[in-house]
Amino acid sequence: AKPCVVDGVRFHSQKEARRYGELRLLEKAGEIQGLELQPAFQLEVPTAGDDAVIGEYRADFAYRERRRAYVVEDVKGFKTPLYRWKKKHVEAQYDIRIQEV
């Protein structure tokens, strides 16, 4: 993956930068709202009395669609075992689905 900068924002790949451009157009057209870059989700496990934070998952984008559905996206070229585990953990913990682009 070749890093690049768009609108003063550094992206890990050209594919991620292209997706950002697409999402910005959708936002300007009113199709999506509240575009977030690099939203973070704490990874927690239940312990006696409290939840313990064991790490963090950082997606590429999050936004709301017109029908108010919350969407989390990750632009992936290669899925590492750690990514696959974090994705499953976040989806279970937050009751969301991560869309891979």
N, C-alpha and C. Protein backbone atom coordinates (compact mmCIF):
# COMPACT_ATOMS: atom_id res chain seq x y z
N ALA A 1 0.85 -1.19 0.00
CA ALA A 1 0.00 0.00 0.00
C ALA A 1 0.88 1.24 0.00
N LYS A 2 0.49 2.19 -0.81
CA LYS A 2 1.26 3.42 -0.93
C LYS A 2 0.50 4.56 -0.24
N PRO A 3 1.07 5.14 0.84
CA PRO A 3 0.40 6.25 1.53
C PRO A 3 0.25 7.46 0.62
N CYS A 4 -0.79 8.27 0.88
CA CYS A 4 -0.98 9.51 0.13
C CYS A 4 -1.76 10.50 0.99
N VAL A 5 -1.78 11.76 0.57
CA VAL A 5 -2.44 12.83 1.32
C VAL A 5 -3.52 13.45 0.44
N VAL A 6 -4.73 13.58 1.01
CA VAL A 6 -5.85 14.23 0.33
C VAL A 6 -6.50 15.18 1.34
N ASP A 7 -6.75 16.41 0.94
CA ASP A 7 -7.36 17.42 1.82
C ASP A 7 -6.58 17.58 3.12
N GLY A 8 -5.26 17.38 3.05
CA GLY A 8 -4.43 17.51 4.24
C GLY A 8 -4.50 16.33 5.18
N VAL A 9 -5.16 15.26 4.76
CA VAL A 9 -5.29 14.06 5.57
C VAL A 9 -4.44 12.96 4.95
N ARG A 10 -3.63 12.30 5.80
CA ARG A 10 -2.78 11.22 5.33
C ARG A 10 -3.54 9.89 5.40
N PHE A 11 -3.55 9.18 4.29
CA PHE A 11 -4.21 7.88 4.22
C PHE A 11 -3.16 6.80 4.00
N HIS A 12 -3.44 5.60 4.52
CA HIS A 12 -2.51 4.49 4.43
C HIS A 12 -2.37 3.94 3.01
N SER A 13 -3.40 4.20 2.18
CA SER A 13 -3.34 3.67 0.81
C SER A 13 -4.13 4.57 -0.13
N GLN A 14 -3.87 4.40 -1.40
CA GLN A 14 -4.61 5.15 -2.41
C GLN A 14 -6.07 4.68 -2.45
N LYS A 15 -6.28 3.41 -2.17
CA LYS A 15 -7.64 2.87 -2.14
C LYS A 15 -8.45 3.54 -1.03
N GLU A 16 -7.84 3.72 0.13
CA GLU A 16 -8.51 4.39 1.25
C GLU A 16 -8.78 5.86 0.89
N ALA A 17 -7.84 6.52 0.25
CA ALA A 17 -8.02 7.92 -0.16
C ALA A 17 -9.15 8.05 -1.18
N ARG A 18 -9.25 7.10 -2.11
CA ARG A 18 -10.34 7.11 -3.09
C ARG A 18 -11.69 6.97 -2.39
N ARG A 19 -11.74 6.07 -1.43
CA ARG A 19 -13.00 5.86 -0.71
C ARG A 19 -13.38 7.13 0.06
N TYR A 20 -12.40 7.80 0.63
CA TYR A 20 -12.65 9.06 1.32
C TYR A 20 -13.29 10.06 0.34
N GLY A 21 -12.76 10.16 -0.86
CA GLY A 21 -13.32 11.06 -1.87
C GLY A 21 -14.76 10.71 -2.20
N GLU A 22 -15.05 9.42 -2.32
CA GLU A 22 -16.41 8.97 -2.59
C GLU A 22 -17.35 9.36 -1.46
N LEU A 23 -16.89 9.13 -0.22
CA LEU A 23 -17.73 9.45 0.94
C LEU A 23 -17.96 10.95 1.07
N ARG A 24 -16.95 11.75 0.76
CA ARG A 24 -17.11 13.22 0.81
C ARG A 24 -18.17 13.66 -0.20
N LEU A 25 -18.18 13.06 -1.39
CA LEU A 25 -19.20 13.39 -2.39
C LEU A 25 -20.59 12.99 -1.90
N LEU A 26 -20.69 11.82 -1.29
CA LEU A 26 -21.98 11.38 -0.74
C LEU A 26 -22.45 12.31 0.38
N GLU A 27 -21.51 12.80 1.17
CA GLU A 27 -21.86 13.72 2.25
C GLU A 27 -22.36 15.06 1.67
N LYS A 28 -21.68 15.56 0.66
CA LYS A 28 -22.10 16.82 0.01
C LYS A 28 -23.46 16.68 -0.66
N ALA A 29 -23.76 15.48 -1.16
CA ALA A 29 -25.05 15.23 -1.80
C ALA A 29 -26.16 14.97 -0.79
N GLY A 30 -25.82 14.89 0.49
CA GLY A 30 -26.82 14.64 1.53
C GLY A 30 -27.19 13.19 1.72
N GLU A 31 -26.45 12.29 1.08
CA GLU A 31 -26.73 10.86 1.21
C GLU A 31 -26.25 10.30 2.55
N ILE A 32 -25.17 10.87 3.09
CA ILE A 32 -24.66 10.45 4.40
C ILE A 32 -24.40 11.71 5.23
N GLN A 33 -24.26 11.52 6.54
CA GLN A 33 -23.98 12.62 7.46
C GLN A 33 -22.92 12.20 8.47
N GLY A 34 -22.22 13.20 9.02
CA GLY A 34 -21.32 12.96 10.14
C GLY A 34 -20.14 12.07 9.82
N LEU A 35 -19.53 12.23 8.67
CA LEU A 35 -18.39 11.41 8.29
C LEU A 35 -17.26 11.56 9.30
N GLU A 36 -16.83 10.46 9.87
CA GLU A 36 -15.72 10.43 10.83
C GLU A 36 -14.56 9.68 10.20
N LEU A 37 -13.36 10.16 10.44
CA LEU A 37 -12.15 9.47 9.99
C LEU A 37 -11.49 8.82 11.20
N GLN A 38 -11.08 7.59 11.04
CA GLN A 38 -10.36 6.85 12.07
C GLN A 38 -11.11 6.78 13.41
N PRO A 39 -12.43 6.43 13.41
CA PRO A 39 -13.13 6.29 14.68
C PRO A 39 -12.54 5.15 15.50
N ALA A 40 -12.41 5.37 16.79
CA ALA A 40 -11.79 4.37 17.68
C ALA A 40 -12.85 3.67 18.52
N PHE A 41 -12.68 2.39 18.71
CA PHE A 41 -13.56 1.57 19.54
C PHE A 41 -12.70 0.84 20.56
N GLN A 42 -13.00 1.04 21.84
CA GLN A 42 -12.25 0.33 22.88
C GLN A 42 -12.67 -1.13 22.89
N LEU A 43 -11.69 -2.01 23.05
CA LEU A 43 -11.96 -3.44 23.16
C LEU A 43 -11.95 -3.78 24.64
N GLU A 44 -13.08 -4.31 25.11
CA GLU A 44 -13.22 -4.62 26.53
C GLU A 44 -13.58 -6.09 26.73
N VAL A 45 -13.18 -6.60 27.89
CA VAL A 45 -13.61 -7.93 28.31
C VAL A 45 -14.19 -7.81 29.70
N PRO A 46 -15.25 -8.55 29.97
CA PRO A 46 -15.84 -8.48 31.31
C PRO A 46 -14.92 -9.10 32.36
N THR A 47 -14.81 -8.40 33.48
CA THR A 47 -14.06 -8.92 34.62
C THR A 47 -14.95 -8.81 35.85
N ALA A 48 -14.50 -9.30 36.96
CA ALA A 48 -15.30 -9.25 38.19
C ALA A 48 -15.58 -7.79 38.55
N GLY A 49 -16.83 -7.36 38.36
CA GLY A 49 -17.24 -6.03 38.77
C GLY A 49 -17.10 -4.95 37.71
N ASP A 50 -16.21 -5.06 36.79
CA ASP A 50 -15.98 -4.02 35.79
C ASP A 50 -15.57 -4.65 34.46
N ASP A 51 -15.47 -3.81 33.45
CA ASP A 51 -14.92 -4.25 32.17
C ASP A 51 -13.48 -3.78 32.06
N ALA A 52 -12.62 -4.64 31.58
CA ALA A 52 -11.21 -4.29 31.41
C ALA A 52 -10.96 -3.95 29.95
N VAL A 53 -10.33 -2.81 29.72
CA VAL A 53 -9.96 -2.42 28.36
C VAL A 53 -8.69 -3.18 27.99
N ILE A 54 -8.77 -3.91 26.87
CA ILE A 54 -7.62 -4.73 26.47
C ILE A 54 -6.97 -4.23 25.18
N GLY A 55 -7.56 -3.21 24.58
CA GLY A 55 -6.99 -2.69 23.35
C GLY A 55 -7.94 -1.75 22.66
N GLU A 56 -7.64 -1.48 21.39
CA GLU A 56 -8.44 -0.53 20.62
C GLU A 56 -8.48 -0.99 19.16
N TYR A 57 -9.64 -0.79 18.55
CA TYR A 57 -9.80 -1.02 17.13
C TYR A 57 -10.07 0.33 16.49
N ARG A 58 -9.38 0.64 15.43
CA ARG A 58 -9.56 1.90 14.72
C ARG A 58 -10.01 1.58 13.30
N ALA A 59 -11.24 1.96 13.00
CA ALA A 59 -11.79 1.77 11.65
C ALA A 59 -11.29 2.90 10.75
N ASP A 60 -11.56 2.80 9.48
CA ASP A 60 -11.18 3.87 8.56
C ASP A 60 -12.22 4.99 8.54
N PHE A 61 -13.52 4.61 8.51
CA PHE A 61 -14.57 5.61 8.41
C PHE A 61 -15.80 5.16 9.19
N ALA A 62 -16.59 6.14 9.61
CA ALA A 62 -17.92 5.89 10.17
C ALA A 62 -18.80 7.06 9.76
N TYR A 63 -20.09 6.78 9.56
CA TYR A 63 -21.03 7.82 9.16
C TYR A 63 -22.45 7.31 9.36
N ARG A 64 -23.40 8.21 9.20
CA ARG A 64 -24.82 7.83 9.25
C ARG A 64 -25.41 7.96 7.85
N GLU A 65 -26.15 6.95 7.46
CA GLU A 65 -26.86 7.00 6.18
C GLU A 65 -28.14 7.80 6.35
N ARG A 66 -28.77 8.12 5.25
CA ARG A 66 -30.00 8.93 5.30
C ARG A 66 -31.06 8.32 6.18
N ARG A 67 -31.13 7.03 6.18
CA ARG A 67 -32.14 6.38 7.01
C ARG A 67 -31.65 6.18 8.45
N ARG A 68 -30.57 6.88 8.77
CA ARG A 68 -30.01 6.95 10.13
C ARG A 68 -29.26 5.71 10.58
N ALA A 69 -28.99 4.78 9.69
CA ALA A 69 -28.20 3.61 10.05
C ALA A 69 -26.74 4.05 10.25
N TYR A 70 -26.12 3.57 11.31
CA TYR A 70 -24.72 3.86 11.59
C TYR A 70 -23.86 2.87 10.84
N VAL A 71 -22.92 3.37 10.04
CA VAL A 71 -22.09 2.51 9.20
C VAL A 71 -20.63 2.69 9.60
N VAL A 72 -19.94 1.57 9.78
CA VAL A 72 -18.50 1.57 10.04
C VAL A 72 -17.84 0.85 8.88
N GLU A 73 -16.82 1.48 8.29
CA GLU A 73 -16.14 0.89 7.14
C GLU A 73 -14.65 0.75 7.41
N ASP A 74 -14.10 -0.30 6.83
CA ASP A 74 -12.66 -0.50 6.84
C ASP A 74 -12.23 -0.86 5.42
N VAL A 75 -11.27 -0.12 4.90
CA VAL A 75 -10.74 -0.39 3.56
C VAL A 75 -9.60 -1.38 3.74
N LYS A 76 -9.74 -2.55 3.16
CA LYS A 76 -8.76 -3.60 3.37
C LYS A 76 -8.20 -4.14 2.08
N GLY A 77 -6.92 -4.36 2.08
CA GLY A 77 -6.27 -5.06 0.99
C GLY A 77 -5.90 -6.45 1.45
N PHE A 78 -5.40 -6.54 2.69
CA PHE A 78 -4.99 -7.81 3.28
C PHE A 78 -5.51 -7.89 4.70
N LYS A 79 -6.14 -9.00 5.05
CA LYS A 79 -6.73 -9.17 6.38
C LYS A 79 -5.82 -10.02 7.25
N THR A 80 -5.19 -9.39 8.22
CA THR A 80 -4.32 -10.11 9.14
C THR A 80 -5.17 -10.87 10.16
N PRO A 81 -4.62 -11.87 10.82
CA PRO A 81 -5.35 -12.55 11.88
C PRO A 81 -5.76 -11.59 13.00
N LEU A 82 -4.90 -10.63 13.35
CA LEU A 82 -5.25 -9.66 14.39
C LEU A 82 -6.43 -8.80 13.96
N TYR A 83 -6.44 -8.35 12.72
CA TYR A 83 -7.57 -7.57 12.22
C TYR A 83 -8.86 -8.38 12.30
N ARG A 84 -8.81 -9.64 11.85
CA ARG A 84 -10.01 -10.49 11.87
C ARG A 84 -10.55 -10.66 13.29
N TRP A 85 -9.65 -10.83 14.26
CA TRP A 85 -10.07 -10.97 15.66
C TRP A 85 -10.68 -9.67 16.18
N LYS A 86 -10.01 -8.54 15.92
CA LYS A 86 -10.54 -7.25 16.40
C LYS A 86 -11.90 -6.95 15.78
N LYS A 87 -12.07 -7.24 14.50
CA LYS A 87 -13.34 -7.01 13.82
C LYS A 87 -14.45 -7.80 14.49
N LYS A 88 -14.22 -9.08 14.74
CA LYS A 88 -15.23 -9.91 15.40
C LYS A 88 -15.54 -9.38 16.80
N HIS A 89 -14.51 -8.98 17.52
CA HIS A 89 -14.68 -8.47 18.88
C HIS A 89 -15.53 -7.20 18.88
N VAL A 90 -15.21 -6.25 18.01
CA VAL A 90 -15.95 -4.99 17.93
C VAL A 90 -17.40 -5.25 17.52
N GLU A 91 -17.60 -6.09 16.53
CA GLU A 91 -18.96 -6.38 16.08
C GLU A 91 -19.80 -6.98 17.21
N ALA A 92 -19.23 -7.86 18.00
CA ALA A 92 -19.96 -8.47 19.11
C ALA A 92 -20.17 -7.48 20.24
N GLN A 93 -19.15 -6.74 20.58
CA GLN A 93 -19.22 -5.82 21.72
C GLN A 93 -20.16 -4.65 21.47
N TYR A 94 -20.14 -4.10 20.27
CA TYR A 94 -20.92 -2.90 19.96
C TYR A 94 -22.19 -3.20 19.15
N ASP A 95 -22.43 -4.47 18.82
CA ASP A 95 -23.59 -4.88 18.04
C ASP A 95 -23.69 -4.08 16.74
N ILE A 96 -22.58 -4.04 16.01
CA ILE A 96 -22.51 -3.37 14.72
C ILE A 96 -21.91 -4.32 13.70
N ARG A 97 -21.99 -3.96 12.45
CA ARG A 97 -21.33 -4.71 11.38
C ARG A 97 -20.34 -3.77 10.71
N ILE A 98 -19.13 -4.25 10.52
CA ILE A 98 -18.09 -3.48 9.85
C ILE A 98 -18.10 -3.88 8.39
N GLN A 99 -18.30 -2.90 7.52
CA GLN A 99 -18.30 -3.15 6.09
C GLN A 99 -16.89 -3.03 5.58
N GLU A 100 -16.45 -4.04 4.87
CA GLU A 100 -15.12 -4.00 4.27
C GLU A 100 -15.23 -3.54 2.83
N VAL A 101 -14.40 -2.60 2.47
CA VAL A 101 -14.43 -2.01 1.13
C VAL A 101 -13.18 -2.42 0.40
